[in-house]
Amino acid sequence: MFTIENIKTQQIYTHVESSQKVSFYPDYTKGTYTPRFHVHNYKPSTKQHKQRSFKAFKNFNEATEWADRVCNMLPKEDAGDVHALTRIVKGIKHVNA
């Protein structure tokens, strides 16, 4: 379950159990929503990135359900760790394959 803690930044949701922060970005040209996990250790090239996304969804509900599923598997001490999130996402893909 997600909550919005700061009314000024309504686009940032916090997962209650894991304390992971997630934003959901709409792509109006493609008609999709992308959950972006707020992380502290994602550096795919020479520049540090503060968010990591994995896939896009057809609607907001699908995006929030998937992100909630990922966050439910994330231990609280691993919130914001891109490596822990990547392991969970790969595990979900493997189960669904």
C-alpha atoms as a PDB file:
ATOM      1  CA  MET A   1       0.000   0.000   0.000  1.00  0.00           C
ATOM      2  CA  PHE A   2       1.261   3.454  -0.898  1.00  0.00           C
ATOM      3  CA  THR A   3       0.775   6.768   0.869  1.00  0.00           C
ATOM      4  CA  ILE A   4       1.523  10.358  -0.048  1.00  0.00           C
ATOM      5  CA  GLU A   5       3.407  11.951   2.814  1.00  0.00           C
ATOM      6  CA  ASN A   6       4.010  15.426   1.464  1.00  0.00           C
ATOM      7  CA  ILE A   7       1.049  17.114  -0.195  1.00  0.00           C
ATOM      8  CA  LYS A   8       3.469  19.439  -2.056  1.00  0.00           C
ATOM      9  CA  THR A   9       5.080  16.457  -3.827  1.00  0.00           C
ATOM     10  CA  GLN A  10       2.006  14.363  -4.562  1.00  0.00           C
ATOM     11  CA  GLN A  11       3.735  12.456  -7.334  1.00  0.00           C
ATOM     12  CA  ILE A  12       6.011  10.716  -4.782  1.00  0.00           C
ATOM     13  CA  TYR A  13       4.391   7.709  -3.119  1.00  0.00           C
ATOM     14  CA  THR A  14       5.889   5.901  -0.121  1.00  0.00           C
ATOM     15  CA  HIS A  15       5.297   2.184   0.323  1.00  0.00           C
ATOM     16  CA  VAL A  16       4.091   1.721   3.907  1.00  0.00           C
ATOM     17  CA  GLU A  17       5.811  -1.589   4.730  1.00  0.00           C
ATOM     18  CA  SER A  18       9.185  -1.135   3.001  1.00  0.00           C
ATOM     19  CA  SER A  19       9.436   2.693   3.044  1.00  0.00           C
ATOM     20  CA  GLN A  20      10.465   2.592  -0.643  1.00  0.00           C
ATOM     21  CA  LYS A  21       9.596   5.770  -2.553  1.00  0.00           C
ATOM     22  CA  VAL A  22       8.046   5.419  -6.025  1.00  0.00           C
ATOM     23  CA  SER A  23       6.821   7.902  -8.628  1.00  0.00           C
ATOM     24  CA  PHE A  24       4.454   7.020 -11.467  1.00  0.00           C
ATOM     25  CA  TYR A  25       5.118   8.852 -14.719  1.00  0.00           C
ATOM     26  CA  PRO A  26       2.527   8.973 -17.506  1.00  0.00           C
ATOM     27  CA  ASP A  27       3.630   8.852 -21.143  1.00  0.00           C
ATOM     28  CA  TYR A  28       0.672  10.429 -22.895  1.00  0.00           C
ATOM     29  CA  THR A  29       1.995   9.710 -26.401  1.00  0.00           C
ATOM     30  CA  LYS A  30       2.204   5.950 -25.740  1.00  0.00           C
ATOM     31  CA  GLY A  31      -0.648   5.829 -23.231  1.00  0.00           C
ATOM     32  CA  THR A  32       1.453   4.108 -20.552  1.00  0.00           C
ATOM     33  CA  TYR A  33       2.525   4.606 -16.934  1.00  0.00           C
ATOM     34  CA  THR A  34       6.032   3.877 -15.675  1.00  0.00           C
ATOM     35  CA  PRO A  35       6.823   3.297 -11.996  1.00  0.00           C
ATOM     36  CA  ARG A  36      10.178   4.857 -11.065  1.00  0.00           C
ATOM     37  CA  PHE A  37      11.809   3.717  -7.863  1.00  0.00           C
ATOM     38  CA  HIS A  38      13.805   6.332  -5.965  1.00  0.00           C
ATOM     39  CA  VAL A  39      17.301   4.892  -5.393  1.00  0.00           C
ATOM     40  CA  HIS A  40      20.621   6.045  -3.978  1.00  0.00           C
ATOM     41  CA  ASN A  41      23.112   3.786  -5.776  1.00  0.00           C
ATOM     42  CA  TYR A  42      22.182   3.631  -9.467  1.00  0.00           C
ATOM     43  CA  LYS A  43      25.015   4.616 -11.788  1.00  0.00           C
ATOM     44  CA  PRO A  44      24.552   3.031 -15.254  1.00  0.00           C
ATOM     45  CA  SER A  45      27.182   5.249 -16.870  1.00  0.00           C
ATOM     46  CA  THR A  46      29.316   8.127 -15.660  1.00  0.00           C
ATOM     47  CA  LYS A  47      26.352   9.943 -14.110  1.00  0.00           C
ATOM     48  CA  GLN A  48      24.495   9.021 -10.927  1.00  0.00           C
ATOM     49  CA  HIS A  49      20.708   8.571 -11.367  1.00  0.00           C
ATOM     50  CA  LYS A  50      18.210   9.080  -8.562  1.00  0.00           C
ATOM     51  CA  GLN A  51      15.446   6.928 -10.085  1.00  0.00           C
ATOM     52  CA  ARG A  52      15.273   3.494 -11.699  1.00  0.00           C
ATOM     53  CA  SER A  53      12.450   2.182 -13.870  1.00  0.00           C
ATOM     54  CA  PHE A  54      12.003  -1.330 -15.200  1.00  0.00           C
ATOM     55  CA  LYS A  55       8.866  -1.414 -17.369  1.00  0.00           C
ATOM     56  CA  ALA A  56       5.761   0.501 -18.457  1.00  0.00           C
ATOM     57  CA  PHE A  57       2.109  -0.450 -18.000  1.00  0.00           C
ATOM     58  CA  LYS A  58      -1.129   0.207 -19.888  1.00  0.00           C
ATOM     59  CA  ASN A  59      -2.778   2.048 -17.001  1.00  0.00           C
ATOM     60  CA  PHE A  60      -2.089   3.574 -13.598  1.00  0.00           C
ATOM     61  CA  ASN A  61      -3.704   0.707 -11.672  1.00  0.00           C
ATOM     62  CA  GLU A  62      -1.484  -1.935 -13.291  1.00  0.00           C
ATOM     63  CA  ALA A  63       1.585   0.189 -12.572  1.00  0.00           C
ATOM     64  CA  THR A  64       0.714   0.657  -8.899  1.00  0.00           C
ATOM     65  CA  GLU A  65      -0.187  -3.023  -8.418  1.00  0.00           C
ATOM     66  CA  TRP A  66       3.135  -4.152  -9.905  1.00  0.00           C
ATOM     67  CA  ALA A  67       5.150  -1.614  -7.892  1.00  0.00           C
ATOM     68  CA  ASP A  68       3.296  -2.682  -4.730  1.00  0.00           C
ATOM     69  CA  ARG A  69       4.167  -6.317  -5.480  1.00  0.00           C
ATOM     70  CA  VAL A  70       7.848  -5.411  -5.862  1.00  0.00           C
ATOM     71  CA  CYS A  71       7.855  -3.297  -2.694  1.00  0.00           C
ATOM     72  CA  ASN A  72       6.121  -6.052  -0.691  1.00  0.00           C
ATOM     73  CA  MET A  73       9.136  -8.287  -1.428  1.00  0.00           C
ATOM     74  CA  LEU A  74      11.643  -5.572  -0.482  1.00  0.00           C
ATOM     75  CA  PRO A  75      13.025  -5.622   3.078  1.00  0.00           C
ATOM     76  CA  LYS A  76      12.861  -2.242   4.789  1.00  0.00           C
ATOM     77  CA  GLU A  77      16.658  -2.102   5.142  1.00  0.00           C
ATOM     78  CA  ASP A  78      17.013  -2.430   1.339  1.00  0.00           C
ATOM     79  CA  ALA A  79      14.724   0.499   0.460  1.00  0.00           C
ATOM     80  CA  GLY A  80      16.457   2.677  -2.122  1.00  0.00           C
ATOM     81  CA  ASP A  81      18.938  -0.047  -3.134  1.00  0.00           C
ATOM     82  CA  VAL A  82      18.872  -0.549  -6.898  1.00  0.00           C
ATOM     83  CA  HIS A  83      20.556  -3.967  -6.629  1.00  0.00           C
ATOM     84  CA  ALA A  84      17.881  -5.351  -4.283  1.00  0.00           C
ATOM     85  CA  LEU A  85      15.117  -3.973  -6.529  1.00  0.00           C
ATOM     86  CA  THR A  86      16.747  -5.490  -9.633  1.00  0.00           C
ATOM     87  CA  ARG A  87      16.935  -8.927  -7.984  1.00  0.00           C
ATOM     88  CA  ILE A  88      13.235  -8.761  -7.102  1.00  0.00           C
ATOM     89  CA  VAL A  89      12.190  -7.638 -10.591  1.00  0.00           C
ATOM     90  CA  LYS A  90      14.266 -10.407 -12.223  1.00  0.00           C
ATOM     91  CA  GLY A  91      12.712 -12.920  -9.829  1.00  0.00           C
ATOM     92  CA  ILE A  92       9.208 -11.772 -10.781  1.00  0.00           C
ATOM     93  CA  LYS A  93      10.051 -12.016 -14.506  1.00  0.00           C
ATOM     94  CA  HIS A  94      11.434 -15.548 -13.991  1.00  0.00           C
ATOM     95  CA  VAL A  95       8.268 -16.687 -12.178  1.00  0.00           C
ATOM     96  CA  ASN A  96       5.992 -15.174 -14.868  1.00  0.00           C
ATOM     97  CA  ALA A  97       8.002 -16.666 -17.758  1.00  0.00           C
END
